C-alpha atoms as a PDB file:
ATOM      1  CA  MET A   1      10.383 -27.425  -7.109  1.00  0.00           C
ATOM      2  CA  PRO A   2       7.580 -28.687  -4.869  1.00  0.00           C
ATOM      3  CA  LEU A   3       6.373 -26.877  -1.746  1.00  0.00           C
ATOM      4  CA  LEU A   4       6.064 -28.443   1.711  1.00  0.00           C
ATOM      5  CA  PHE A   5       3.948 -26.749   4.282  1.00  0.00           C
ATOM      6  CA  SER A   6       5.182 -27.009   7.863  1.00  0.00           C
ATOM      7  CA  TYR A   7       3.270 -26.023  11.047  1.00  0.00           C
ATOM      8  CA  GLY A   8       5.630 -27.822  13.451  1.00  0.00           C
ATOM      9  CA  THR A   9       9.143 -29.203  13.847  1.00  0.00           C
ATOM     10  CA  LEU A  10      10.128 -28.894  10.246  1.00  0.00           C
ATOM     11  CA  GLN A  11      10.175 -25.126  10.745  1.00  0.00           C
ATOM     12  CA  GLU A  12      13.154 -25.525  13.101  1.00  0.00           C
ATOM     13  CA  GLU A  13      16.481 -24.937  11.442  1.00  0.00           C
ATOM     14  CA  ASP A  14      18.286 -27.675  13.498  1.00  0.00           C
ATOM     15  CA  VAL A  15      15.676 -30.170  12.334  1.00  0.00           C
ATOM     16  CA  GLN A  16      16.113 -29.021   8.725  1.00  0.00           C
ATOM     17  CA  ARG A  17      19.947 -29.355   8.859  1.00  0.00           C
ATOM     18  CA  SER A  18      19.702 -32.714  10.499  1.00  0.00           C
ATOM     19  CA  LEU A  19      17.323 -34.046   7.817  1.00  0.00           C
ATOM     20  CA  PHE A  20      18.418 -32.248   4.695  1.00  0.00           C
ATOM     21  CA  GLY A  21      21.914 -30.992   5.416  1.00  0.00           C
ATOM     22  CA  ARG A  22      20.737 -27.425   4.754  1.00  0.00           C
ATOM     23  CA  THR A  23      18.363 -24.719   5.949  1.00  0.00           C
ATOM     24  CA  LEU A  24      15.223 -24.579   3.833  1.00  0.00           C
ATOM     25  CA  VAL A  25      14.029 -21.492   1.958  1.00  0.00           C
ATOM     26  CA  GLY A  26      10.395 -20.691   2.654  1.00  0.00           C
ATOM     27  CA  ARG A  27       7.741 -18.054   3.269  1.00  0.00           C
ATOM     28  CA  LYS A  28       5.036 -17.591   5.907  1.00  0.00           C
ATOM     29  CA  ASP A  29       1.626 -18.746   4.627  1.00  0.00           C
ATOM     30  CA  GLY A  30      -1.607 -20.255   5.705  1.00  0.00           C
ATOM     31  CA  LEU A  31      -3.138 -23.703   4.905  1.00  0.00           C
ATOM     32  CA  LEU A  32      -6.817 -23.711   4.138  1.00  0.00           C
ATOM     33  CA  GLY A  33      -9.349 -26.302   5.275  1.00  0.00           C
ATOM     34  CA  TYR A  34      -7.594 -27.733   8.292  1.00  0.00           C
ATOM     35  CA  GLU A  35      -7.424 -27.144  12.068  1.00  0.00           C
ATOM     36  CA  LEU A  36      -4.655 -27.780  14.531  1.00  0.00           C
ATOM     37  CA  ALA A  37      -4.833 -30.448  17.235  1.00  0.00           C
ATOM     38  CA  MET A  38      -2.458 -32.307  19.486  1.00  0.00           C
ATOM     39  CA  ALA A  39      -1.753 -35.982  19.134  1.00  0.00           C
ATOM     40  CA  PRO A  40       0.352 -38.512  21.175  1.00  0.00           C
ATOM     41  CA  VAL A  41       3.346 -39.875  19.239  1.00  0.00           C
ATOM     42  CA  ALA A  42       3.593 -43.687  19.394  1.00  0.00           C
ATOM     43  CA  ASP A  43       7.061 -43.977  17.945  1.00  0.00           C
ATOM     44  CA  PRO A  44       9.373 -43.748  21.001  1.00  0.00           C
ATOM     45  CA  GLU A  45      12.428 -42.901  18.809  1.00  0.00           C
ATOM     46  CA  PHE A  46      10.585 -39.973  17.252  1.00  0.00           C
ATOM     47  CA  ALA A  47       9.477 -38.767  20.703  1.00  0.00           C
ATOM     48  CA  ARG A  48      13.037 -39.088  21.995  1.00  0.00           C
ATOM     49  CA  THR A  49      14.495 -37.238  19.066  1.00  0.00           C
ATOM     50  CA  SER A  50      11.996 -34.381  19.215  1.00  0.00           C
ATOM     51  CA  GLY A  51      11.862 -34.294  23.043  1.00  0.00           C
ATOM     52  CA  LYS A  52       8.065 -34.298  22.947  1.00  0.00           C
ATOM     53  CA  THR A  53       5.452 -37.016  23.474  1.00  0.00           C
ATOM     54  CA  HIS A  54       2.718 -34.998  21.732  1.00  0.00           C
ATOM     55  CA  HIS A  55       2.953 -33.170  18.466  1.00  0.00           C
ATOM     56  CA  ALA A  56       0.778 -30.826  16.483  1.00  0.00           C
ATOM     57  CA  ILE A  57      -1.309 -32.558  13.815  1.00  0.00           C
ATOM     58  CA  LEU A  58      -3.756 -31.299  11.235  1.00  0.00           C
ATOM     59  CA  ARG A  59      -7.341 -32.516  10.842  1.00  0.00           C
ATOM     60  CA  PRO A  60      -9.855 -31.398   8.226  1.00  0.00           C
ATOM     61  CA  ALA A  61     -12.082 -28.475   9.320  1.00  0.00           C
ATOM     62  CA  HIS A  62     -15.351 -27.158   8.062  1.00  0.00           C
ATOM     63  CA  GLY A  63     -15.758 -23.520   7.135  1.00  0.00           C
ATOM     64  CA  ALA A  64     -13.059 -20.934   6.710  1.00  0.00           C
ATOM     65  CA  SER A  65     -10.338 -22.541   8.824  1.00  0.00           C
ATOM     66  CA  GLN A  66      -6.680 -21.719   8.277  1.00  0.00           C
ATOM     67  CA  VAL A  67      -3.498 -22.871   9.938  1.00  0.00           C
ATOM     68  CA  GLU A  68      -0.443 -20.678   9.983  1.00  0.00           C
ATOM     69  CA  GLY A  69       2.963 -22.000   9.079  1.00  0.00           C
ATOM     70  CA  THR A  70       5.672 -21.841   6.421  1.00  0.00           C
ATOM     71  CA  ALA A  71       5.722 -23.136   2.910  1.00  0.00           C
ATOM     72  CA  PHE A  72       9.215 -24.437   2.009  1.00  0.00           C
ATOM     73  CA  LYS A  73      10.777 -25.151  -1.321  1.00  0.00           C
ATOM     74  CA  VAL A  74      12.029 -28.695  -1.326  1.00  0.00           C
ATOM     75  CA  THR A  75      13.257 -31.332  -3.786  1.00  0.00           C
ATOM     76  CA  GLU A  76      11.584 -34.612  -4.568  1.00  0.00           C
ATOM     77  CA  ALA A  77      14.379 -36.329  -2.689  1.00  0.00           C
ATOM     78  CA  GLU A  78      13.784 -34.124   0.409  1.00  0.00           C
ATOM     79  CA  LEU A  79      10.063 -35.107   0.248  1.00  0.00           C
ATOM     80  CA  GLU A  80      11.139 -38.733   0.411  1.00  0.00           C
ATOM     81  CA  ILE A  81      13.333 -37.970   3.402  1.00  0.00           C
ATOM     82  CA  THR A  82      10.450 -36.250   5.158  1.00  0.00           C
ATOM     83  CA  ASP A  83       8.184 -39.247   4.410  1.00  0.00           C
ATOM     84  CA  LYS A  84      10.656 -41.344   6.361  1.00  0.00           C
ATOM     85  CA  TYR A  85      11.000 -38.817   9.164  1.00  0.00           C
ATOM     86  CA  GLU A  86       7.359 -38.364   9.902  1.00  0.00           C
ATOM     87  CA  PRO A  87       5.817 -41.050  12.252  1.00  0.00           C
ATOM     88  CA  ALA A  88       2.944 -43.305  11.284  1.00  0.00           C
ATOM     89  CA  GLU A  89       0.325 -40.857  12.711  1.00  0.00           C
ATOM     90  CA  TYR A  90       0.909 -38.594   9.693  1.00  0.00           C
ATOM     91  CA  LYS A  91       0.250 -38.949   6.018  1.00  0.00           C
ATOM     92  CA  ARG A  92       1.343 -36.579   3.209  1.00  0.00           C
ATOM     93  CA  VAL A  93      -1.454 -34.935   1.194  1.00  0.00           C
ATOM     94  CA  GLU A  94      -1.830 -32.100  -1.205  1.00  0.00           C
ATOM     95  CA  ALA A  95      -3.669 -29.047   0.088  1.00  0.00           C
ATOM     96  CA  ARG A  96      -4.372 -25.393  -0.828  1.00  0.00           C
ATOM     97  CA  LEU A  97      -2.405 -22.415   0.451  1.00  0.00           C
ATOM     98  CA  ALA A  98      -4.020 -19.122   1.452  1.00  0.00           C
ATOM     99  CA  SER A  99      -1.647 -17.330  -0.962  1.00  0.00           C
ATOM    100  CA  GLY A 100      -2.877 -19.550  -3.808  1.00  0.00           C
ATOM    101  CA  GLY A 101      -1.362 -22.722  -5.241  1.00  0.00           C
ATOM    102  CA  ASN A 102      -0.921 -26.175  -3.757  1.00  0.00           C
ATOM    103  CA  THR A 103       1.535 -27.592  -1.249  1.00  0.00           C
ATOM    104  CA  TRP A 104       2.324 -30.956   0.314  1.00  0.00           C
ATOM    105  CA  VAL A 105       1.545 -31.238   4.014  1.00  0.00           C
ATOM    106  CA  TYR A 106       1.499 -33.951   6.724  1.00  0.00           C
ATOM    107  CA  VAL A 107      -1.987 -34.395   8.290  1.00  0.00           C
ATOM    108  CA  ASP A 108      -3.617 -36.963  10.637  1.00  0.00           C
ATOM    109  CA  ALA A 109      -3.440 -40.345   8.890  1.00  0.00           C
ATOM    110  CA  GLN A 110      -6.640 -41.526  10.663  1.00  0.00           C
ATOM    111  CA  VAL A 111      -9.025 -39.035   9.017  1.00  0.00           C
ATOM    112  CA  THR A 112     -10.197 -38.443   5.492  1.00  0.00           C
ATOM    113  CA  ASP A 113      -9.378 -35.401   3.395  1.00  0.00           C
ATOM    114  CA  PRO A 114     -11.595 -32.314   3.543  1.00  0.00           C
END
């Protein structure tokens, strides 16, 4: 079962139940090589649903940067649902967890990988 790292709204149980029909199982972890920033959301429907016009976004960082969040166990079908949920400002990439192993995570679509 793949892992999906969340540092934002996907950690909220009401968002999980709305998207997947269940509460996800996960563990606190850190994501290596990225830093947290805020970005405006261009999709008005996403902003309305979330209640926010700016959302956390990850950008590659140099050095020993780590972002805290949660690594959730998801299915391939749930990854596809999440791909449709995330606005165009985000892209899904594979990244390294502080605990070891890899995870999927959504990062700034406008920048290159670290």
